[in-house]
N, C-alpha and C. Protein backbone atom coordinates (compact mmCIF):
# COMPACT_ATOMS: atom_id res chain seq x y z
N MET A 1 0.91 -0.94 -0.04
CA MET A 1 -0.06 -0.12 0.04
C MET A 1 1.20 1.41 -0.16
N ASN A 2 0.56 2.33 -0.89
CA ASN A 2 1.78 3.43 -0.91
C ASN A 2 0.92 4.12 -0.11
N PHE A 3 1.86 5.63 0.14
CA PHE A 3 1.37 6.29 1.60
C PHE A 3 -0.38 7.15 1.07
N TRP A 4 -0.92 7.39 -0.14
CA TRP A 4 -1.57 7.88 -0.60
C TRP A 4 -2.80 6.83 -0.29
N ASP A 5 -2.61 5.63 -0.80
CA ASP A 5 -3.92 4.62 -0.40
C ASP A 5 -3.76 4.51 1.14
N TYR A 6 -2.81 5.03 1.71
CA TYR A 6 -2.68 4.48 3.03
C TYR A 6 -3.78 5.84 4.33
N LEU A 7 -3.30 6.90 3.61
CA LEU A 7 -4.36 8.11 3.37
C LEU A 7 -5.69 7.74 3.35
N VAL A 8 -6.16 7.58 2.43
CA VAL A 8 -7.16 7.25 2.10
C VAL A 8 -8.42 6.27 2.88
N ALA A 9 -7.31 4.94 3.10
CA ALA A 9 -7.89 4.30 3.65
C ALA A 9 -8.33 4.45 5.35
N ARG A 10 -7.12 5.40 5.68
CA ARG A 10 -7.35 5.37 7.36
C ARG A 10 -7.99 7.27 7.82
N HIS A 11 -8.24 7.79 6.89
CA HIS A 11 -8.38 9.30 6.68
C HIS A 11 -9.25 9.54 8.26
N GLN A 12 -9.80 8.89 8.11
CA GLN A 12 -11.34 9.04 9.41
C GLN A 12 -10.41 8.66 10.91
N GLN A 13 -9.35 7.81 11.12
CA GLN A 13 -8.85 7.56 12.74
C GLN A 13 -7.56 9.06 12.07
N LEU A 14 -6.84 8.92 11.43
CA LEU A 14 -6.28 10.63 11.16
C LEU A 14 -6.68 11.69 11.33
N LEU A 15 -7.83 11.86 11.09
CA LEU A 15 -8.20 12.86 10.83
C LEU A 15 -8.79 13.08 12.87
N ALA A 16 -9.52 12.07 13.62
CA ALA A 16 -10.04 12.07 14.73
C ALA A 16 -8.32 12.38 15.91
N ASP A 17 -7.45 11.88 14.97
CA ASP A 17 -6.11 12.03 16.23
C ASP A 17 -5.84 13.62 15.54
N ALA A 18 -5.61 13.97 14.64
CA ALA A 18 -5.27 15.60 14.31
C ALA A 18 -6.24 16.23 15.10
N PHE A 19 -7.86 16.14 15.14
CA PHE A 19 -8.31 17.08 16.05
C PHE A 19 -8.15 16.82 17.30
N GLN A 20 -7.62 15.69 17.87
CA GLN A 20 -7.14 15.35 18.86
C GLN A 20 -5.62 16.18 19.70
N HIS A 21 -5.43 15.99 18.44
CA HIS A 21 -3.74 16.71 18.88
C HIS A 21 -3.99 18.33 19.04
N ALA A 22 -4.52 18.86 17.89
CA ALA A 22 -4.94 20.34 17.69
C ALA A 22 -5.63 20.70 19.14
N SER A 23 -6.54 19.72 19.46
CA SER A 23 -7.35 20.27 21.02
C SER A 23 -6.32 20.38 22.24
N VAL A 24 -6.08 19.37 22.16
CA VAL A 24 -4.84 19.29 23.24
C VAL A 24 -3.69 20.60 23.51
N VAL A 25 -3.51 20.32 22.56
CA VAL A 25 -2.20 21.72 22.09
C VAL A 25 -2.77 23.26 22.53
N PHE A 26 -3.81 23.62 21.83
CA PHE A 26 -4.76 24.52 21.97
C PHE A 26 -5.06 24.89 23.62
N GLN A 27 -5.48 23.83 24.12
CA GLN A 27 -6.00 23.84 25.45
C GLN A 27 -4.82 24.04 26.35
N CYS A 28 -3.41 23.43 26.39
CA CYS A 28 -2.33 23.48 27.24
C CYS A 28 -1.43 25.03 27.20
N THR A 29 -1.92 25.32 25.32
CA THR A 29 -1.00 26.46 25.22
C THR A 29 -2.12 27.94 25.68
N VAL A 30 -3.64 27.99 26.00
CA VAL A 30 -4.38 28.81 26.98
C VAL A 30 -4.12 28.25 28.10
N LEU A 31 -3.66 27.44 28.64
CA LEU A 31 -2.82 27.45 29.99
C LEU A 31 -1.90 28.14 30.35
N ALA A 32 -1.14 27.70 29.61
CA ALA A 32 0.53 28.42 29.59
C ALA A 32 0.48 29.67 29.52
N THR A 33 -0.52 30.11 28.71
CA THR A 33 -0.75 31.88 28.33
C THR A 33 -0.92 32.25 29.61
N ALA A 34 -2.27 31.75 30.43
CA ALA A 34 -2.80 32.55 31.24
C ALA A 34 -1.73 32.43 32.87
N ILE A 35 -1.16 31.45 33.13
CA ILE A 35 -0.56 31.42 34.19
C ILE A 35 0.83 32.24 33.58
N GLY A 36 1.53 31.80 32.48
CA GLY A 36 2.87 32.44 32.12
C GLY A 36 2.61 34.21 32.49
N MET A 37 1.25 34.48 31.67
CA MET A 37 1.15 35.98 31.53
C MET A 37 1.23 36.68 33.15
N VAL A 38 0.45 35.84 34.22
CA VAL A 38 0.14 36.05 35.27
C VAL A 38 1.92 36.06 36.33
N ILE A 39 2.51 35.24 36.05
CA ILE A 39 3.90 34.90 36.57
C ILE A 39 4.86 36.14 35.79
N GLY A 40 4.51 36.83 34.93
CA GLY A 40 5.07 37.69 34.37
C GLY A 40 4.66 39.29 35.03
N VAL A 41 3.44 39.32 34.98
CA VAL A 41 2.62 40.44 35.40
C VAL A 41 3.46 41.20 37.01
N VAL A 42 3.30 39.47 37.86
CA VAL A 42 3.68 39.86 38.88
C VAL A 42 5.04 40.03 39.29
N THR A 43 6.18 39.61 38.15
CA THR A 43 7.60 39.53 38.78
C THR A 43 8.42 40.58 38.06
N TYR A 44 7.83 40.96 36.65
CA TYR A 44 8.53 41.86 36.27
C TYR A 44 9.12 43.19 36.49
N ARG A 45 8.29 43.56 37.75
CA ARG A 45 9.04 45.02 38.18
C ARG A 45 9.93 44.58 39.03
N THR A 46 10.42 43.43 39.63
CA THR A 46 11.55 42.87 40.76
C THR A 46 12.77 42.05 40.30
N GLU A 47 13.83 42.70 39.84
CA GLU A 47 14.73 41.98 39.43
C GLU A 47 15.12 40.58 39.62
N TRP A 48 15.01 40.39 40.90
CA TRP A 48 15.35 38.92 41.82
C TRP A 48 13.95 38.14 41.01
N ALA A 49 12.89 38.57 41.49
CA ALA A 49 11.87 37.90 41.08
C ALA A 49 11.66 37.30 39.71
N ARG A 50 11.57 38.46 38.65
CA ARG A 50 11.37 38.09 37.08
C ARG A 50 13.38 37.08 37.02
N ASN A 51 14.39 37.20 37.64
CA ASN A 51 15.23 35.93 37.38
C ASN A 51 14.80 34.34 37.87
N MET A 52 14.38 34.72 38.94
CA MET A 52 13.83 33.57 39.47
C MET A 52 12.82 33.06 38.39
N ALA A 53 12.07 33.51 38.15
CA ALA A 53 10.69 33.32 37.37
C ALA A 53 11.12 32.67 36.06
N THR A 54 12.32 33.59 35.30
CA THR A 54 13.19 32.68 34.25
C THR A 54 13.56 31.63 34.37
N ASN A 55 14.16 31.39 35.67
CA ASN A 55 15.52 30.35 35.50
C ASN A 55 14.70 29.33 36.02
N ILE A 56 13.31 29.39 36.41
CA ILE A 56 12.40 28.47 37.05
C ILE A 56 11.67 27.73 36.25
N THR A 57 11.29 28.43 34.88
CA THR A 57 10.46 27.38 33.69
C THR A 57 11.78 27.36 32.71
N THR A 58 12.60 27.83 32.78
CA THR A 58 13.71 27.42 31.87
C THR A 58 14.51 25.93 32.29
N SER A 59 14.56 25.68 33.53
CA SER A 59 14.72 24.62 33.98
C SER A 59 14.07 23.72 33.83
N ILE A 60 12.49 23.79 33.72
CA ILE A 60 11.44 23.13 33.41
C ILE A 60 11.74 22.38 32.02
N LEU A 61 11.83 23.66 31.21
CA LEU A 61 12.38 23.43 29.54
C LEU A 61 13.54 22.22 29.24
N THR A 62 14.70 22.28 30.44
CA THR A 62 15.74 21.03 30.07
C THR A 62 14.93 19.81 30.75
N ILE A 63 14.04 19.43 31.32
CA ILE A 63 13.67 18.13 31.37
C ILE A 63 13.52 17.54 30.14
N PRO A 64 13.53 16.38 29.99
CA PRO A 64 13.48 15.51 28.55
C PRO A 64 12.01 15.38 28.43
N SER A 65 11.19 15.23 27.62
CA SER A 65 9.39 15.14 27.85
C SER A 65 9.36 13.73 28.15
N LEU A 66 10.09 12.89 27.45
CA LEU A 66 9.60 11.32 28.01
C LEU A 66 10.03 11.25 29.90
N ALA A 67 10.78 11.78 30.16
CA ALA A 67 10.95 11.77 31.65
C ALA A 67 10.41 12.87 32.42
N MET A 68 9.43 13.18 31.63
CA MET A 68 8.72 14.31 32.52
C MET A 68 7.31 13.64 32.64
N ILE A 69 6.64 12.94 31.43
CA ILE A 69 5.69 12.02 31.55
C ILE A 69 5.58 11.31 32.36
N GLY A 70 6.98 10.52 32.32
CA GLY A 70 7.10 9.38 33.15
C GLY A 70 7.09 9.37 34.52
N VAL A 71 7.99 10.55 35.05
CA VAL A 71 7.17 11.07 36.22
C VAL A 71 6.11 11.23 36.91
N LEU A 72 5.27 11.75 35.65
CA LEU A 72 3.65 12.15 35.81
C LEU A 72 3.13 10.93 36.01
N ILE A 73 2.95 10.00 35.40
CA ILE A 73 2.11 8.81 35.13
C ILE A 73 2.09 7.84 36.58
N PRO A 74 3.21 8.08 37.16
CA PRO A 74 2.70 7.23 38.96
C PRO A 74 2.04 8.48 39.20
N ILE A 75 1.69 9.71 38.96
CA ILE A 75 0.77 10.42 40.38
C ILE A 75 -0.30 10.92 39.75
N VAL A 76 -0.45 10.73 38.25
CA VAL A 76 -1.73 11.43 37.96
C VAL A 76 -2.11 10.45 36.79
N GLY A 77 -1.86 9.23 36.37
CA GLY A 77 -1.94 8.15 35.68
C GLY A 77 -1.94 8.32 34.14
N LEU A 78 -2.41 7.42 33.09
CA LEU A 78 -1.95 7.41 32.00
C LEU A 78 -3.15 8.13 31.25
N GLY A 79 -2.82 8.76 30.04
CA GLY A 79 -3.83 9.30 29.00
C GLY A 79 -3.83 10.76 29.16
N VAL A 80 -5.43 11.73 29.35
CA VAL A 80 -4.55 13.09 29.05
C VAL A 80 -4.00 13.99 30.67
N PRO A 81 -4.56 13.46 31.80
CA PRO A 81 -4.00 14.27 32.74
C PRO A 81 -2.29 14.58 32.54
N PRO A 82 -1.40 13.76 32.02
CA PRO A 82 -0.19 13.57 32.57
C PRO A 82 0.30 14.50 30.68
N THR A 83 -0.45 14.67 30.31
CA THR A 83 0.23 15.28 28.75
C THR A 83 -0.53 16.87 28.85
N VAL A 84 -1.38 17.04 29.55
CA VAL A 84 -2.13 18.61 29.98
C VAL A 84 -0.93 19.19 30.80
N ILE A 85 -0.58 18.08 31.98
CA ILE A 85 0.42 19.18 32.77
C ILE A 85 1.45 19.08 32.42
N ALA A 86 2.03 18.31 31.45
CA ALA A 86 3.64 18.24 31.09
C ALA A 86 3.37 19.28 29.95
N LEU A 87 2.69 19.63 29.05
CA LEU A 87 2.75 20.42 27.85
C LEU A 87 2.44 21.71 28.51
N THR A 88 1.46 22.30 29.44
CA THR A 88 1.26 23.19 30.04
C THR A 88 2.76 24.07 30.52
N LEU A 89 3.39 22.91 31.72
CA LEU A 89 4.63 23.45 32.06
C LEU A 89 5.63 23.68 31.19
N TYR A 90 5.76 23.14 30.03
CA TYR A 90 6.64 23.48 28.47
C TYR A 90 6.42 24.74 28.22
N GLY A 91 5.37 24.85 27.95
CA GLY A 91 5.04 26.51 27.33
C GLY A 91 4.98 27.58 28.06
N LEU A 92 5.54 27.28 29.53
CA LEU A 92 5.29 28.55 30.10
C LEU A 92 6.62 29.43 29.65
N LEU A 93 7.48 28.82 29.66
CA LEU A 93 8.34 29.91 29.55
C LEU A 93 8.59 30.75 28.25
N PRO A 94 8.17 30.78 27.03
CA PRO A 94 8.26 31.62 26.22
C PRO A 94 7.18 32.62 26.42
N VAL A 95 6.30 32.42 27.41
CA VAL A 95 4.85 33.31 27.72
C VAL A 95 5.76 34.29 28.84
N VAL A 96 6.35 33.88 29.72
CA VAL A 96 6.74 34.16 30.67
C VAL A 96 7.76 35.28 30.55
N ARG A 97 8.96 34.59 30.09
CA ARG A 97 9.90 35.53 29.34
C ARG A 97 9.35 37.02 28.43
N ASN A 98 8.41 36.77 27.36
CA ASN A 98 8.20 37.74 26.56
C ASN A 98 7.44 38.79 27.15
N THR A 99 6.53 38.07 28.33
CA THR A 99 5.58 39.05 28.69
C THR A 99 6.71 40.02 29.84
N ILE A 100 7.90 39.73 30.13
CA ILE A 100 8.30 40.13 30.88
C ILE A 100 9.03 41.46 30.10
N VAL A 101 9.94 40.70 28.87
CA VAL A 101 10.09 41.14 28.09
C VAL A 101 9.58 42.61 27.86
N GLY A 102 8.06 42.29 27.20
CA GLY A 102 7.43 43.29 26.66
C GLY A 102 7.16 44.02 27.46
N LEU A 103 6.74 44.22 28.92
CA LEU A 103 6.16 45.06 30.04
C LEU A 103 7.57 45.45 30.12
N ARG A 104 8.50 45.43 30.36
CA ARG A 104 9.64 46.10 30.60
C ARG A 104 9.77 46.95 29.43
N GLY A 105 9.89 46.68 28.21
CA GLY A 105 9.90 47.52 26.84
C GLY A 105 9.01 48.66 26.83
N VAL A 106 8.35 48.77 28.02
CA VAL A 106 7.42 49.83 27.75
C VAL A 106 7.85 51.11 27.78
N ASP A 107 7.66 52.29 27.32
CA ASP A 107 8.74 53.80 27.44
C ASP A 107 8.23 54.09 28.93
N PRO A 108 8.91 54.35 29.82
CA PRO A 108 8.77 55.31 31.15
C PRO A 108 7.96 56.05 30.79
N ALA A 109 8.22 56.93 29.57
CA ALA A 109 7.25 58.42 29.25
C ALA A 109 5.60 57.99 29.46
N LEU A 110 5.29 57.08 28.29
CA LEU A 110 4.02 56.92 28.19
C LEU A 110 3.36 56.34 30.01
N ILE A 111 4.40 55.91 30.98
CA ILE A 111 3.50 55.32 32.39
C ILE A 111 3.36 56.46 33.00
N ASP A 112 4.34 57.57 33.18
CA ASP A 112 4.55 58.45 33.99
C ASP A 112 3.65 59.07 33.22
N ALA A 113 2.90 59.45 31.92
CA ALA A 113 1.63 60.41 31.56
C ALA A 113 0.64 59.90 32.31
N SER A 114 0.64 58.12 32.42
CA SER A 114 -0.52 57.59 32.59
C SER A 114 -0.87 57.77 34.37
N LYS A 115 -0.06 58.41 34.90
CA LYS A 115 0.49 58.53 36.29
C LYS A 115 -0.34 59.85 36.31
N GLY A 116 0.27 60.82 35.59
CA GLY A 116 -0.22 62.28 35.47
C GLY A 116 -1.59 62.86 35.30
N ILE A 117 -2.38 62.02 34.67
CA ILE A 117 -3.85 61.66 34.18
C ILE A 117 -4.47 61.06 35.47
N GLY A 118 -4.31 60.80 36.28
CA GLY A 118 -4.61 59.69 37.56
C GLY A 118 -5.28 58.61 37.45
N MET A 119 -4.17 57.57 36.39
CA MET A 119 -4.56 56.35 36.36
C MET A 119 -4.10 55.57 37.31
N SER A 120 -4.89 54.77 38.05
CA SER A 120 -4.58 53.65 38.87
C SER A 120 -3.26 52.53 38.34
N ARG A 121 -2.65 52.07 39.36
CA ARG A 121 -1.89 51.39 38.82
C ARG A 121 -2.50 49.60 37.90
N ALA A 122 -3.58 49.50 38.52
CA ALA A 122 -4.46 48.35 37.87
C ALA A 122 -4.84 48.87 36.52
N ALA A 123 -5.48 49.92 36.37
CA ALA A 123 -5.40 50.66 35.12
C ALA A 123 -4.27 50.71 34.03
N ARG A 124 -3.46 51.49 34.59
CA ARG A 124 -2.25 51.37 33.80
C ARG A 124 -2.02 50.24 33.05
N LEU A 125 -1.89 48.77 34.21
CA LEU A 125 -1.61 47.44 33.62
C LEU A 125 -2.68 47.09 32.27
N PHE A 126 -3.34 47.29 32.91
CA PHE A 126 -4.36 46.91 31.90
C PHE A 126 -4.78 47.80 30.09
N LYS A 127 -4.79 49.22 30.85
CA LYS A 127 -4.72 49.92 29.51
C LYS A 127 -3.52 50.71 29.17
N VAL A 128 -2.48 50.31 29.56
CA VAL A 128 -1.33 50.77 28.79
C VAL A 128 -0.57 50.18 28.61
N GLU A 129 0.25 49.39 29.49
CA GLU A 129 1.33 48.59 29.57
C GLU A 129 1.17 47.06 28.43
N LEU A 130 0.11 46.53 29.18
CA LEU A 130 -0.14 45.52 28.20
C LEU A 130 -0.69 44.96 26.98
N PRO A 131 -1.43 46.28 26.70
CA PRO A 131 -1.69 46.69 25.46
C PRO A 131 0.01 47.14 24.45
N LEU A 132 0.57 47.51 24.85
CA LEU A 132 1.78 48.06 24.36
C LEU A 132 2.94 46.64 24.36
N ALA A 133 2.95 45.77 25.38
CA ALA A 133 3.44 44.94 25.39
C ALA A 133 2.94 43.31 24.40
N TRP A 134 1.49 43.52 24.18
CA TRP A 134 1.09 42.60 23.24
C TRP A 134 1.91 41.79 22.26
N PRO A 135 2.57 42.81 21.32
CA PRO A 135 3.55 42.35 20.46
C PRO A 135 4.66 41.12 20.76
N PRO A 136 5.20 41.42 21.71
CA PRO A 136 6.20 40.06 21.96
C PRO A 136 5.42 38.86 22.90
N ILE A 137 4.37 39.45 23.77
CA ILE A 137 3.59 38.19 24.12
C ILE A 137 3.31 37.34 23.30
N LEU A 138 2.32 37.75 22.15
CA LEU A 138 1.94 36.99 20.98
C LEU A 138 2.94 36.11 20.58
N THR A 139 4.16 37.19 20.52
CA THR A 139 5.48 36.01 19.96
C THR A 139 5.77 35.21 20.59
N GLY A 140 5.49 35.07 22.08
CA GLY A 140 5.57 34.10 23.13
C GLY A 140 4.95 33.18 23.11
N ILE A 141 3.81 33.42 22.55
CA ILE A 141 2.45 32.48 22.50
C ILE A 141 2.52 31.80 21.29
N ARG A 142 2.97 32.09 20.50
CA ARG A 142 2.88 31.40 18.79
C ARG A 142 4.31 30.41 19.12
N VAL A 143 5.52 30.72 19.95
CA VAL A 143 6.90 30.14 19.82
C VAL A 143 6.24 29.10 20.89
N ALA A 144 5.54 29.36 21.60
CA ALA A 144 5.24 27.69 22.83
C ALA A 144 4.12 27.42 21.97
N THR A 145 3.38 27.52 21.06
CA THR A 145 1.98 26.54 20.58
C THR A 145 3.26 25.69 19.35
N GLN A 146 4.16 26.51 18.37
CA GLN A 146 5.05 25.31 17.82
C GLN A 146 5.68 24.52 18.40
N MET A 147 6.17 24.83 19.78
CA MET A 147 7.08 24.22 20.32
C MET A 147 6.50 22.80 21.00
N LEU A 148 4.76 23.33 21.76
CA LEU A 148 4.09 22.09 22.13
C LEU A 148 3.34 21.07 20.80
N PHE A 149 3.24 21.56 19.89
CA PHE A 149 2.84 20.70 18.75
C PHE A 149 3.84 19.67 18.52
N GLY A 150 5.10 19.67 18.97
CA GLY A 150 6.04 18.32 18.79
C GLY A 150 6.14 17.61 19.97
N ILE A 151 6.22 18.47 20.84
CA ILE A 151 5.94 17.54 22.30
C ILE A 151 5.10 16.93 22.61
N ALA A 152 4.10 17.54 22.40
CA ALA A 152 2.65 16.26 22.35
C ALA A 152 2.58 15.47 21.70
N ALA A 153 3.56 14.71 20.57
CA ALA A 153 3.68 13.69 20.26
C ALA A 153 4.24 12.46 21.17
N ILE A 154 4.97 13.23 21.80
CA ILE A 154 5.49 11.84 23.10
C ILE A 154 4.37 11.71 23.79
N ALA A 155 3.43 12.37 23.86
CA ALA A 155 2.24 11.86 25.07
C ALA A 155 1.63 10.84 24.73
N ALA A 156 1.95 10.17 23.60
CA ALA A 156 1.35 8.66 23.17
C ALA A 156 2.06 7.73 23.90
N TYR A 157 3.17 7.96 24.35
CA TYR A 157 3.79 7.11 25.25
C TYR A 157 3.13 6.62 26.88
N ALA A 158 2.51 8.01 26.85
CA ALA A 158 1.47 7.82 28.27
C ALA A 158 0.29 7.75 27.91
N SER A 159 0.07 6.83 26.69
CA SER A 159 -1.55 6.44 25.87
C SER A 159 -2.54 7.95 25.96
N GLY A 160 -1.32 9.03 25.57
CA GLY A 160 -2.12 10.68 25.30
C GLY A 160 -2.79 10.30 23.98
N PRO A 161 -3.87 11.54 24.25
CA PRO A 161 -4.13 11.75 22.24
C PRO A 161 -3.48 12.29 21.37
N GLY A 162 -3.96 12.14 20.46
CA GLY A 162 -2.84 12.94 19.21
C GLY A 162 -2.54 12.12 18.39
N LEU A 163 -1.65 12.99 17.08
CA LEU A 163 -0.90 12.27 16.18
C LEU A 163 0.20 11.45 16.65
N GLY A 164 0.63 11.37 17.63
CA GLY A 164 1.97 10.63 18.23
C GLY A 164 1.56 9.43 18.20
N ASN A 165 0.20 8.83 18.27
CA ASN A 165 0.06 7.27 18.43
C ASN A 165 0.13 6.66 17.33
N GLU A 166 0.11 7.77 15.95
CA GLU A 166 0.21 6.85 14.53
C GLU A 166 1.65 7.22 14.51
N ILE A 167 2.48 7.82 15.16
CA ILE A 167 3.79 7.98 15.10
C ILE A 167 4.69 6.39 15.70
N PHE A 168 4.30 6.66 17.11
CA PHE A 168 4.25 5.25 17.75
C PHE A 168 3.80 4.01 17.47
N ARG A 169 3.01 3.98 16.49
CA ARG A 169 2.34 2.69 16.26
C ARG A 169 3.70 1.93 15.17
N GLY A 170 3.78 3.10 14.11
CA GLY A 170 4.84 3.12 13.04
C GLY A 170 5.93 2.41 13.64
N ILE A 171 6.63 2.64 14.77
CA ILE A 171 8.05 2.93 15.29
C ILE A 171 7.65 1.24 16.05
N ALA A 172 6.99 1.27 16.85
CA ALA A 172 6.48 -0.37 17.41
C ALA A 172 6.45 -1.25 15.80
N SER A 173 5.96 -0.99 14.90
CA SER A 173 6.03 -2.21 14.36
C SER A 173 6.93 -1.59 13.06
N LEU A 174 7.92 -1.28 12.85
CA LEU A 174 9.60 -0.97 11.93
C LEU A 174 9.09 -2.57 11.23
N GLY A 175 9.04 -2.73 9.64
CA GLY A 175 9.87 -4.04 8.95
C GLY A 175 8.11 -4.44 8.61
N SER A 176 7.17 -3.40 9.09
CA SER A 176 5.83 -3.96 8.69
C SER A 176 5.66 -3.26 7.37
N ALA A 177 4.41 -3.39 6.49
CA ALA A 177 4.23 -3.05 5.32
C ALA A 177 3.83 -1.49 5.58
N ASN A 178 3.13 -0.86 6.22
CA ASN A 178 2.74 0.36 6.62
C ASN A 178 3.87 0.94 8.20
N ALA A 179 4.31 0.70 8.01
CA ALA A 179 4.99 1.16 9.38
C ALA A 179 6.08 2.68 9.11
N LEU A 180 6.15 2.76 8.07
CA LEU A 180 7.38 4.09 7.24
C LEU A 180 5.44 4.86 6.86
N ASN A 181 5.02 4.41 6.74
CA ASN A 181 3.35 5.13 6.48
C ASN A 181 2.61 5.72 7.44
N GLN A 182 2.84 5.04 8.45
CA GLN A 182 2.06 5.54 9.75
C GLN A 182 3.02 6.47 10.55
N VAL A 183 4.38 6.24 10.66
CA VAL A 183 5.24 7.85 10.65
C VAL A 183 5.16 8.48 10.03
N LEU A 184 4.82 8.47 8.42
CA LEU A 184 4.93 9.91 7.84
C LEU A 184 3.85 10.77 7.70
N ALA A 185 2.74 9.54 8.19
CA ALA A 185 0.99 10.16 8.14
C ALA A 185 1.30 11.38 9.76
N GLY A 186 1.92 10.62 10.64
CA GLY A 186 1.88 11.28 11.89
C GLY A 186 2.75 12.78 11.87
N THR A 187 3.83 12.54 11.34
CA THR A 187 4.61 13.56 11.33
C THR A 187 4.37 14.47 10.54
N LEU A 188 3.62 14.34 8.71
CA LEU A 188 3.15 15.45 8.38
C LEU A 188 2.07 16.22 8.77
N GLY A 189 1.07 15.13 9.58
CA GLY A 189 -0.05 15.93 9.96
C GLY A 189 -0.07 16.83 10.97
N ILE A 190 1.35 16.34 12.32
CA ILE A 190 1.79 17.39 13.37
C ILE A 190 2.03 18.86 12.47
N ILE A 191 3.27 18.61 11.06
CA ILE A 191 3.49 19.84 10.46
C ILE A 191 2.98 20.44 10.36
N ILE A 192 1.63 20.09 9.31
CA ILE A 192 0.27 21.00 8.69
C ILE A 192 -0.10 21.89 10.03
N LEU A 193 -0.70 21.00 10.84
CA LEU A 193 -1.36 21.75 12.00
C LEU A 193 -0.75 22.60 12.35
N ALA A 194 0.96 22.82 12.46
CA ALA A 194 1.39 23.86 13.35
C ALA A 194 1.72 24.94 11.97
N LEU A 195 1.60 24.84 11.10
CA LEU A 195 1.81 25.84 9.90
C LEU A 195 0.14 26.27 9.66
N LEU A 196 -0.90 26.03 10.06
CA LEU A 196 -1.94 26.43 10.57
C LEU A 196 -2.22 27.13 11.63
N PHE A 197 -1.60 26.50 12.54
CA PHE A 197 -2.05 27.77 13.54
C PHE A 197 -1.09 28.92 13.57
N ASP A 198 -0.01 28.44 13.25
CA ASP A 198 1.05 30.00 12.90
C ASP A 198 0.53 30.73 11.73
N ALA A 199 -0.22 30.22 10.86
CA ALA A 199 -0.80 31.29 10.03
C ALA A 199 -1.88 32.44 10.76
N ALA A 200 -2.63 31.12 11.74
CA ALA A 200 -3.85 31.84 12.55
C ALA A 200 -3.37 33.00 13.16
N TYR A 201 -1.86 32.93 13.96
CA TYR A 201 -0.95 33.82 14.94
C TYR A 201 -1.10 35.06 14.49
N VAL A 202 -0.76 34.94 12.85
CA VAL A 202 -0.44 36.02 12.03
C VAL A 202 -1.15 36.70 12.07
N LEU A 203 -2.43 36.30 11.58
CA LEU A 203 -3.76 36.70 11.61
C LEU A 203 -4.14 37.82 12.60
N ILE A 204 -4.29 37.07 14.03
CA ILE A 204 -4.75 37.33 14.96
C ILE A 204 -3.69 38.52 15.19
N GLY A 205 -2.43 38.66 15.13
CA GLY A 205 -1.34 39.72 15.02
C GLY A 205 -1.86 40.87 14.05
N ARG A 206 -2.43 40.79 12.86
CA ARG A 206 -2.97 41.96 11.94
C ARG A 206 -3.88 42.38 12.66
N LEU A 207 -4.74 41.58 13.46
CA LEU A 207 -6.30 41.94 13.77
C LEU A 207 -6.30 42.66 15.16
N THR A 208 -4.76 42.62 15.98
CA THR A 208 -4.88 42.92 17.36
C THR A 208 -3.73 43.92 17.99
N ILE A 209 -3.08 43.74 16.97
CA ILE A 209 -1.75 44.50 17.00
C ILE A 209 -1.82 46.05 16.32
N PRO A 210 -2.22 47.45 16.74
CA PRO A 210 -2.43 48.34 15.45
C PRO A 210 -0.78 48.15 14.81
N ARG A 211 -1.16 48.94 13.58
CA ARG A 211 0.26 48.86 12.38
C ARG A 211 0.85 49.91 13.20
N GLY A 212 1.11 51.13 13.64
CA GLY A 212 1.58 51.61 14.50
C GLY A 212 2.84 50.97 15.11
N ILE A 213 2.32 50.44 16.42
CA ILE A 213 2.95 49.55 16.94
C ILE A 213 3.70 48.90 15.87
N ARG A 214 2.89 47.38 14.75
CA ARG A 214 3.66 46.65 14.34
C ARG A 214 4.87 47.21 13.47
N VAL A 215 4.79 48.48 13.11
CA VAL A 215 6.34 49.43 12.44
C VAL A 215 7.07 49.57 13.41
């Protein structure tokens, strides 16, 4: 069976796996974004706090994904829980780092001006600082998403959802007729999903970042 025939014969399962893969990456990106932005907002004003936040999230990223999932399995079991926890933790660094960079890059003159017109600290954060810091924050979210698409494939090791199951089945049956087709189908599916999400981020950037800031 050639690759095209394999895709036709297995298209329903491949589409289901692709949907699950995209869904878990999307949900974990949302979680990592929410947690990462909170950490960035809380720590960006203090040098030791932002260094600690960056160092901790960097350390998490150095843990091999198989080791991370292997440690989580005895604690939370197989399937979705270890996948969600691992992906959320891995997605923190780009969001935390870019949130801190973006907020620290806001022109102090603009902050002083907002103080001068009587804005509270919360109002300055949500109406001045975060909107101006949004471009680098969005870049961090974009990097995190692309990274998680690849890491999510390892979730098949813990019976997690997604196209990694197709890759692992192919690797486990190397030498069989469809082993290479399975690996290719899973790999190409992840690449296509990552490109689609990246295109969506480009569109989001065009819709949410004023032209003056983009320039």
